[in-house]
Amino acid sequence: MWALPILAAVILHEVAHGLVAYRLGDPTAARHGRLTLNPLPHIDPIGTVLLPLMLVLSSAPFLFGYARPVPVNFANLRNPKRDMILVAAAGPLTNLLLAVLSAALFKALLQADISPEGLFAGTVLKPLALMARNAVYINVGLAVFNLLPILPLDGGRVLAGLLPRAQAAAFARLEPFGLLIVVVLIATNVLDSVINPVIGLFIHALLS
């Protein structure tokens, strides 16, 4: 019920980055075999498997993980500063589109008045409805999280592309500390207070 929507959300998020970069002049992701729906090339052994597993086994109060970032050579882009924004925004926008489509599917299945008594309804339609609902939560959460203006998140890339050159260079120097900043924000529940209201607004709008 959760694994398939998570895989779809993460894979399509990464493929969107690579596909937009390819269309804008950078074939790096294509050369590395990352424009694929096969989940294996997108799995990071540490971020996708080891880190979440360690947090679960240690009963950590938060869960954090990530997929392998799609390689992008911004120097290959036709207009690097502008195109960096488009490449970065492609992932979260894809997740928002998936959330909208999943919400539409969920509502359509609800209107079909699924009865668990029927074999087809109980084994196919009801699980499909649950996965569609879960996909809304996952994709909205992934989109909002990735739009945080912290490098190396997508929102940080967008902000770096919007800033003047000198400010963008100064901002880029914070990237080595980005993941540590994110982990601290999650562990201290600061991140929840920032993004949960935004996620709640999207969920309410899509599922109400």
C-alpha atoms as a PDB file:
ATOM      1  CA  MET A   1       0.000   0.000   0.000  1.00  0.00           C
ATOM      2  CA  TRP A   2       2.941   2.358   0.646  1.00  0.00           C
ATOM      3  CA  ALA A   3       5.925   0.808  -1.148  1.00  0.00           C
ATOM      4  CA  LEU A   4       4.595   1.150  -4.702  1.00  0.00           C
ATOM      5  CA  PRO A   5       3.469   4.794  -4.322  1.00  0.00           C
ATOM      6  CA  ILE A   6       6.826   5.662  -2.707  1.00  0.00           C
ATOM      7  CA  LEU A   7       8.794   3.997  -5.510  1.00  0.00           C
ATOM      8  CA  ALA A   8       6.698   5.713  -8.176  1.00  0.00           C
ATOM      9  CA  ALA A   9       7.026   9.115  -6.502  1.00  0.00           C
ATOM     10  CA  VAL A  10      10.810   8.894  -6.064  1.00  0.00           C
ATOM     11  CA  ILE A  11      11.571   7.365  -9.475  1.00  0.00           C
ATOM     12  CA  LEU A  12       9.427   9.778 -11.470  1.00  0.00           C
ATOM     13  CA  HIS A  13      10.821  12.693  -9.445  1.00  0.00           C
ATOM     14  CA  GLU A  14      14.377  11.754 -10.447  1.00  0.00           C
ATOM     15  CA  VAL A  15      13.504  10.884 -14.045  1.00  0.00           C
ATOM     16  CA  ALA A  16      11.835  14.297 -14.423  1.00  0.00           C
ATOM     17  CA  HIS A  17      15.081  16.023 -13.432  1.00  0.00           C
ATOM     18  CA  GLY A  18      17.058  14.026 -15.968  1.00  0.00           C
ATOM     19  CA  LEU A  19      14.493  14.326 -18.743  1.00  0.00           C
ATOM     20  CA  VAL A  20      14.226  18.114 -18.468  1.00  0.00           C
ATOM     21  CA  ALA A  21      18.029  18.390 -18.350  1.00  0.00           C
ATOM     22  CA  TYR A  22      18.225  16.211 -21.476  1.00  0.00           C
ATOM     23  CA  ARG A  23      15.723  18.396 -23.298  1.00  0.00           C
ATOM     24  CA  LEU A  24      17.716  21.490 -22.305  1.00  0.00           C
ATOM     25  CA  GLY A  25      21.010  20.177 -23.634  1.00  0.00           C
ATOM     26  CA  ASP A  26      22.566  17.942 -20.956  1.00  0.00           C
ATOM     27  CA  PRO A  27      22.682  14.202 -21.808  1.00  0.00           C
ATOM     28  CA  THR A  28      24.506  13.201 -18.598  1.00  0.00           C
ATOM     29  CA  ALA A  29      21.534  11.438 -16.992  1.00  0.00           C
ATOM     30  CA  ALA A  30      20.776   9.558 -20.203  1.00  0.00           C
ATOM     31  CA  ARG A  31      24.410   8.429 -20.521  1.00  0.00           C
ATOM     32  CA  HIS A  32      24.315   7.103 -16.949  1.00  0.00           C
ATOM     33  CA  GLY A  33      21.115   5.145 -17.611  1.00  0.00           C
ATOM     34  CA  ARG A  34      19.004   7.268 -15.256  1.00  0.00           C
ATOM     35  CA  LEU A  35      16.130   7.989 -17.641  1.00  0.00           C
ATOM     36  CA  THR A  36      14.507   4.693 -16.691  1.00  0.00           C
ATOM     37  CA  LEU A  37      11.562   3.548 -14.598  1.00  0.00           C
ATOM     38  CA  ASN A  38      13.649   0.661 -13.242  1.00  0.00           C
ATOM     39  CA  PRO A  39      14.031   1.474  -9.501  1.00  0.00           C
ATOM     40  CA  LEU A  40      17.496  -0.112  -9.123  1.00  0.00           C
ATOM     41  CA  PRO A  41      19.570   2.710 -10.728  1.00  0.00           C
ATOM     42  CA  HIS A  42      17.807   5.241  -8.488  1.00  0.00           C
ATOM     43  CA  ILE A  43      18.475   3.439  -5.185  1.00  0.00           C
ATOM     44  CA  ASP A  44      21.230   4.848  -3.001  1.00  0.00           C
ATOM     45  CA  PRO A  45      22.557   2.067  -0.700  1.00  0.00           C
ATOM     46  CA  ILE A  46      23.016   4.482   2.199  1.00  0.00           C
ATOM     47  CA  GLY A  47      20.212   7.010   1.723  1.00  0.00           C
ATOM     48  CA  THR A  48      17.518   4.646   0.419  1.00  0.00           C
ATOM     49  CA  VAL A  49      18.288   1.502   2.426  1.00  0.00           C
ATOM     50  CA  LEU A  50      20.814   1.780   5.267  1.00  0.00           C
ATOM     51  CA  LEU A  51      19.892   5.155   6.770  1.00  0.00           C
ATOM     52  CA  PRO A  52      16.091   4.604   6.934  1.00  0.00           C
ATOM     53  CA  LEU A  53      16.653   1.044   8.230  1.00  0.00           C
ATOM     54  CA  MET A  54      18.972   2.252  11.000  1.00  0.00           C
ATOM     55  CA  LEU A  55      16.487   4.940  12.029  1.00  0.00           C
ATOM     56  CA  VAL A  56      13.652   2.388  12.162  1.00  0.00           C
ATOM     57  CA  LEU A  57      15.678  -0.169  14.134  1.00  0.00           C
ATOM     58  CA  SER A  58      16.853   2.476  16.591  1.00  0.00           C
ATOM     59  CA  SER A  59      13.264   3.723  17.127  1.00  0.00           C
ATOM     60  CA  ALA A  60      14.299   7.232  16.062  1.00  0.00           C
ATOM     61  CA  PRO A  61      11.571   9.874  16.380  1.00  0.00           C
ATOM     62  CA  PHE A  62      11.941  10.738  12.698  1.00  0.00           C
ATOM     63  CA  LEU A  63      12.521   8.980   9.376  1.00  0.00           C
ATOM     64  CA  PHE A  64      14.812  10.353   6.708  1.00  0.00           C
ATOM     65  CA  GLY A  65      16.159   9.042   3.430  1.00  0.00           C
ATOM     66  CA  TYR A  66      16.930   9.929  -0.157  1.00  0.00           C
ATOM     67  CA  ALA A  67      17.401   8.450  -3.608  1.00  0.00           C
ATOM     68  CA  ARG A  68      20.489   8.740  -5.800  1.00  0.00           C
ATOM     69  CA  PRO A  69      20.467  12.239  -7.279  1.00  0.00           C
ATOM     70  CA  VAL A  70      20.290  12.315 -11.063  1.00  0.00           C
ATOM     71  CA  PRO A  71      23.624  13.561 -12.431  1.00  0.00           C
ATOM     72  CA  VAL A  72      23.302  16.918 -14.172  1.00  0.00           C
ATOM     73  CA  ASN A  73      26.141  18.900 -15.724  1.00  0.00           C
ATOM     74  CA  PHE A  74      24.827  22.447 -15.605  1.00  0.00           C
ATOM     75  CA  ALA A  75      27.619  23.585 -17.938  1.00  0.00           C
ATOM     76  CA  ASN A  76      25.962  21.596 -20.740  1.00  0.00           C
ATOM     77  CA  LEU A  77      22.662  23.437 -20.381  1.00  0.00           C
ATOM     78  CA  ARG A  78      21.941  25.999 -23.065  1.00  0.00           C
ATOM     79  CA  ASN A  79      21.171  28.693 -20.504  1.00  0.00           C
ATOM     80  CA  PRO A  80      22.721  27.341 -17.270  1.00  0.00           C
ATOM     81  CA  LYS A  81      21.283  29.871 -14.808  1.00  0.00           C
ATOM     82  CA  ARG A  82      17.732  29.730 -16.145  1.00  0.00           C
ATOM     83  CA  ASP A  83      17.780  26.030 -17.017  1.00  0.00           C
ATOM     84  CA  MET A  84      19.057  25.075 -13.549  1.00  0.00           C
ATOM     85  CA  ILE A  85      15.790  26.443 -12.163  1.00  0.00           C
ATOM     86  CA  LEU A  86      13.742  24.423 -14.666  1.00  0.00           C
ATOM     87  CA  VAL A  87      15.667  21.200 -13.983  1.00  0.00           C
ATOM     88  CA  ALA A  88      15.353  21.614 -10.209  1.00  0.00           C
ATOM     89  CA  ALA A  89      11.656  22.496 -10.345  1.00  0.00           C
ATOM     90  CA  ALA A  90      10.828  19.514 -12.576  1.00  0.00           C
ATOM     91  CA  GLY A  91      10.990  17.005  -9.706  1.00  0.00           C
ATOM     92  CA  PRO A  92       8.609  18.709  -7.248  1.00  0.00           C
ATOM     93  CA  LEU A  93       6.241  19.741 -10.047  1.00  0.00           C
ATOM     94  CA  THR A  94       6.098  16.116 -11.196  1.00  0.00           C
ATOM     95  CA  ASN A  95       5.192  15.053  -7.651  1.00  0.00           C
ATOM     96  CA  LEU A  96       2.424  17.660  -7.502  1.00  0.00           C
ATOM     97  CA  LEU A  97       1.063  16.399 -10.827  1.00  0.00           C
ATOM     98  CA  LEU A  98       1.147  12.832  -9.509  1.00  0.00           C
ATOM     99  CA  ALA A  99      -0.690  13.992  -6.371  1.00  0.00           C
ATOM    100  CA  VAL A 100      -3.438  15.591  -8.483  1.00  0.00           C
ATOM    101  CA  LEU A 101      -3.809  12.476 -10.664  1.00  0.00           C
ATOM    102  CA  SER A 102      -3.809  10.188  -7.608  1.00  0.00           C
ATOM    103  CA  ALA A 103      -6.473  12.303  -5.909  1.00  0.00           C
ATOM    104  CA  ALA A 104      -8.641  12.135  -9.047  1.00  0.00           C
ATOM    105  CA  LEU A 105      -8.257   8.339  -9.151  1.00  0.00           C
ATOM    106  CA  PHE A 106      -9.057   8.033  -5.442  1.00  0.00           C
ATOM    107  CA  LYS A 107     -12.235  10.107  -5.789  1.00  0.00           C
ATOM    108  CA  ALA A 108     -13.304   8.165  -8.869  1.00  0.00           C
ATOM    109  CA  LEU A 109     -12.926   4.865  -7.020  1.00  0.00           C
ATOM    110  CA  LEU A 110     -14.853   6.224  -4.036  1.00  0.00           C
ATOM    111  CA  GLN A 111     -17.708   7.222  -6.324  1.00  0.00           C
ATOM    112  CA  ALA A 112     -17.690   3.699  -7.713  1.00  0.00           C
ATOM    113  CA  ASP A 113     -18.958   2.606  -4.266  1.00  0.00           C
ATOM    114  CA  ILE A 114     -16.399  -0.150  -3.739  1.00  0.00           C
ATOM    115  CA  SER A 115     -17.806  -3.067  -1.792  1.00  0.00           C
ATOM    116  CA  PRO A 116     -15.301  -5.352  -0.063  1.00  0.00           C
ATOM    117  CA  GLU A 117     -17.675  -8.279  -0.523  1.00  0.00           C
ATOM    118  CA  GLY A 118     -16.813  -8.733  -4.199  1.00  0.00           C
ATOM    119  CA  LEU A 119     -13.572 -10.563  -5.039  1.00  0.00           C
ATOM    120  CA  PHE A 120     -12.464  -8.017  -7.670  1.00  0.00           C
ATOM    121  CA  ALA A 121     -13.382  -5.062  -5.488  1.00  0.00           C
ATOM    122  CA  GLY A 122     -11.693  -6.488  -2.408  1.00  0.00           C
ATOM    123  CA  THR A 123      -8.493  -7.626  -4.101  1.00  0.00           C
ATOM    124  CA  VAL A 124      -8.046  -4.933  -6.774  1.00  0.00           C
ATOM    125  CA  LEU A 125     -10.195  -1.831  -6.446  1.00  0.00           C
ATOM    126  CA  LYS A 126      -9.947  -1.293  -2.695  1.00  0.00           C
ATOM    127  CA  PRO A 127      -6.130  -1.712  -2.588  1.00  0.00           C
ATOM    128  CA  LEU A 128      -5.887   0.565  -5.624  1.00  0.00           C
ATOM    129  CA  ALA A 129      -7.923   3.221  -3.831  1.00  0.00           C
ATOM    130  CA  LEU A 130      -5.714   2.963  -0.750  1.00  0.00           C
ATOM    131  CA  MET A 131      -2.568   3.255  -2.862  1.00  0.00           C
ATOM    132  CA  ALA A 132      -4.008   6.284  -4.646  1.00  0.00           C
ATOM    133  CA  ARG A 133      -4.759   7.959  -1.315  1.00  0.00           C
ATOM    134  CA  ASN A 134      -1.293   7.140  -0.003  1.00  0.00           C
ATOM    135  CA  ALA A 135       0.229   8.491  -3.222  1.00  0.00           C
ATOM    136  CA  VAL A 136      -1.411  11.857  -2.563  1.00  0.00           C
ATOM    137  CA  TYR A 137       0.233  12.097   0.874  1.00  0.00           C
ATOM    138  CA  ILE A 138       3.615  10.880  -0.390  1.00  0.00           C
ATOM    139  CA  ASN A 139       3.810  13.112  -3.447  1.00  0.00           C
ATOM    140  CA  VAL A 140       2.620  16.239  -1.643  1.00  0.00           C
ATOM    141  CA  GLY A 141       5.080  15.624   1.180  1.00  0.00           C
ATOM    142  CA  LEU A 142       7.935  14.970  -1.239  1.00  0.00           C
ATOM    143  CA  ALA A 143       7.156  18.079  -3.290  1.00  0.00           C
ATOM    144  CA  VAL A 144       6.884  20.419  -0.303  1.00  0.00           C
ATOM    145  CA  PHE A 145       9.978  18.974   1.373  1.00  0.00           C
ATOM    146  CA  ASN A 146      12.103  19.272  -1.764  1.00  0.00           C
ATOM    147  CA  LEU A 147      11.044  22.874  -2.318  1.00  0.00           C
ATOM    148  CA  LEU A 148      12.688  23.959   0.938  1.00  0.00           C
ATOM    149  CA  PRO A 149      15.296  26.621   0.047  1.00  0.00           C
ATOM    150  CA  ILE A 150      18.206  24.521   1.324  1.00  0.00           C
ATOM    151  CA  LEU A 151      20.936  23.099  -0.900  1.00  0.00           C
ATOM    152  CA  PRO A 152      21.132  20.407  -2.184  1.00  0.00           C
ATOM    153  CA  LEU A 153      17.321  20.231  -2.180  1.00  0.00           C
ATOM    154  CA  ASP A 154      15.485  21.353  -5.305  1.00  0.00           C
ATOM    155  CA  GLY A 155      14.250  24.516  -3.621  1.00  0.00           C
ATOM    156  CA  GLY A 156      17.860  25.425  -2.909  1.00  0.00           C
ATOM    157  CA  ARG A 157      18.722  24.975  -6.599  1.00  0.00           C
ATOM    158  CA  VAL A 158      15.806  27.181  -7.591  1.00  0.00           C
ATOM    159  CA  LEU A 159      16.856  29.861  -5.114  1.00  0.00           C
ATOM    160  CA  ALA A 160      20.479  29.698  -6.309  1.00  0.00           C
ATOM    161  CA  GLY A 161      19.262  30.232  -9.864  1.00  0.00           C
ATOM    162  CA  LEU A 162      17.178  33.234  -8.864  1.00  0.00           C
ATOM    163  CA  LEU A 163      19.865  34.979  -6.798  1.00  0.00           C
ATOM    164  CA  PRO A 164      22.398  37.391  -8.348  1.00  0.00           C
ATOM    165  CA  ARG A 165      25.733  35.747  -9.153  1.00  0.00           C
ATOM    166  CA  ALA A 166      27.625  36.925  -6.039  1.00  0.00           C
ATOM    167  CA  GLN A 167      24.819  35.962  -3.643  1.00  0.00           C
ATOM    168  CA  ALA A 168      24.333  32.639  -5.440  1.00  0.00           C
ATOM    169  CA  ALA A 169      28.029  31.809  -5.016  1.00  0.00           C
ATOM    170  CA  ALA A 170      27.878  32.632  -1.296  1.00  0.00           C
ATOM    171  CA  PHE A 171      24.722  30.542  -0.908  1.00  0.00           C
ATOM    172  CA  ALA A 172      26.337  27.606  -2.759  1.00  0.00           C
ATOM    173  CA  ARG A 173      29.097  27.439  -0.145  1.00  0.00           C
ATOM    174  CA  LEU A 174      26.480  26.189   2.339  1.00  0.00           C
ATOM    175  CA  GLU A 175      25.730  23.072   0.261  1.00  0.00           C
ATOM    176  CA  PRO A 176      28.204  20.741   2.076  1.00  0.00           C
ATOM    177  CA  PHE A 177      26.225  21.384   5.276  1.00  0.00           C
ATOM    178  CA  GLY A 178      22.781  21.101   3.673  1.00  0.00           C
ATOM    179  CA  LEU A 179      21.929  17.518   4.608  1.00  0.00           C
ATOM    180  CA  LEU A 180      23.145  18.076   8.165  1.00  0.00           C
ATOM    181  CA  ILE A 181      20.902  21.145   8.422  1.00  0.00           C
ATOM    182  CA  VAL A 182      17.943  19.112   7.159  1.00  0.00           C
ATOM    183  CA  VAL A 183      18.584  16.273   9.635  1.00  0.00           C
ATOM    184  CA  VAL A 184      18.827  18.749  12.546  1.00  0.00           C
ATOM    185  CA  LEU A 185      15.596  20.449  11.468  1.00  0.00           C
ATOM    186  CA  ILE A 186      13.826  17.077  11.301  1.00  0.00           C
ATOM    187  CA  ALA A 187      15.231  15.818  14.608  1.00  0.00           C
ATOM    188  CA  THR A 188      14.220  19.005  16.442  1.00  0.00           C
ATOM    189  CA  ASN A 189      10.702  19.023  14.906  1.00  0.00           C
ATOM    190  CA  VAL A 190      11.341  22.503  13.486  1.00  0.00           C
ATOM    191  CA  LEU A 191      10.748  21.178  10.000  1.00  0.00           C
ATOM    192  CA  ASP A 192       7.345  19.779  10.968  1.00  0.00           C
ATOM    193  CA  SER A 193       6.129  23.179  12.120  1.00  0.00           C
ATOM    194  CA  VAL A 194       7.235  24.713   8.818  1.00  0.00           C
ATOM    195  CA  ILE A 195       6.041  22.233   6.217  1.00  0.00           C
ATOM    196  CA  ASN A 196       3.116  20.430   7.892  1.00  0.00           C
ATOM    197  CA  PRO A 197       0.700  23.388   7.518  1.00  0.00           C
ATOM    198  CA  VAL A 198       1.593  23.642   3.820  1.00  0.00           C
ATOM    199  CA  ILE A 199       1.207  19.897   3.309  1.00  0.00           C
ATOM    200  CA  GLY A 200      -2.117  20.026   5.140  1.00  0.00           C
ATOM    201  CA  LEU A 201      -3.439  22.736   2.817  1.00  0.00           C
ATOM    202  CA  PHE A 202      -2.560  20.693  -0.276  1.00  0.00           C
ATOM    203  CA  ILE A 203      -4.019  17.475   1.160  1.00  0.00           C
ATOM    204  CA  HIS A 204      -7.249  19.234   2.129  1.00  0.00           C
ATOM    205  CA  ALA A 205      -7.566  20.809  -1.305  1.00  0.00           C
ATOM    206  CA  LEU A 206      -6.960  17.524  -3.122  1.00  0.00           C
ATOM    207  CA  LEU A 207      -8.930  15.065  -0.988  1.00  0.00           C
ATOM    208  CA  SER A 208     -11.819  17.123   0.398  1.00  0.00           C
END
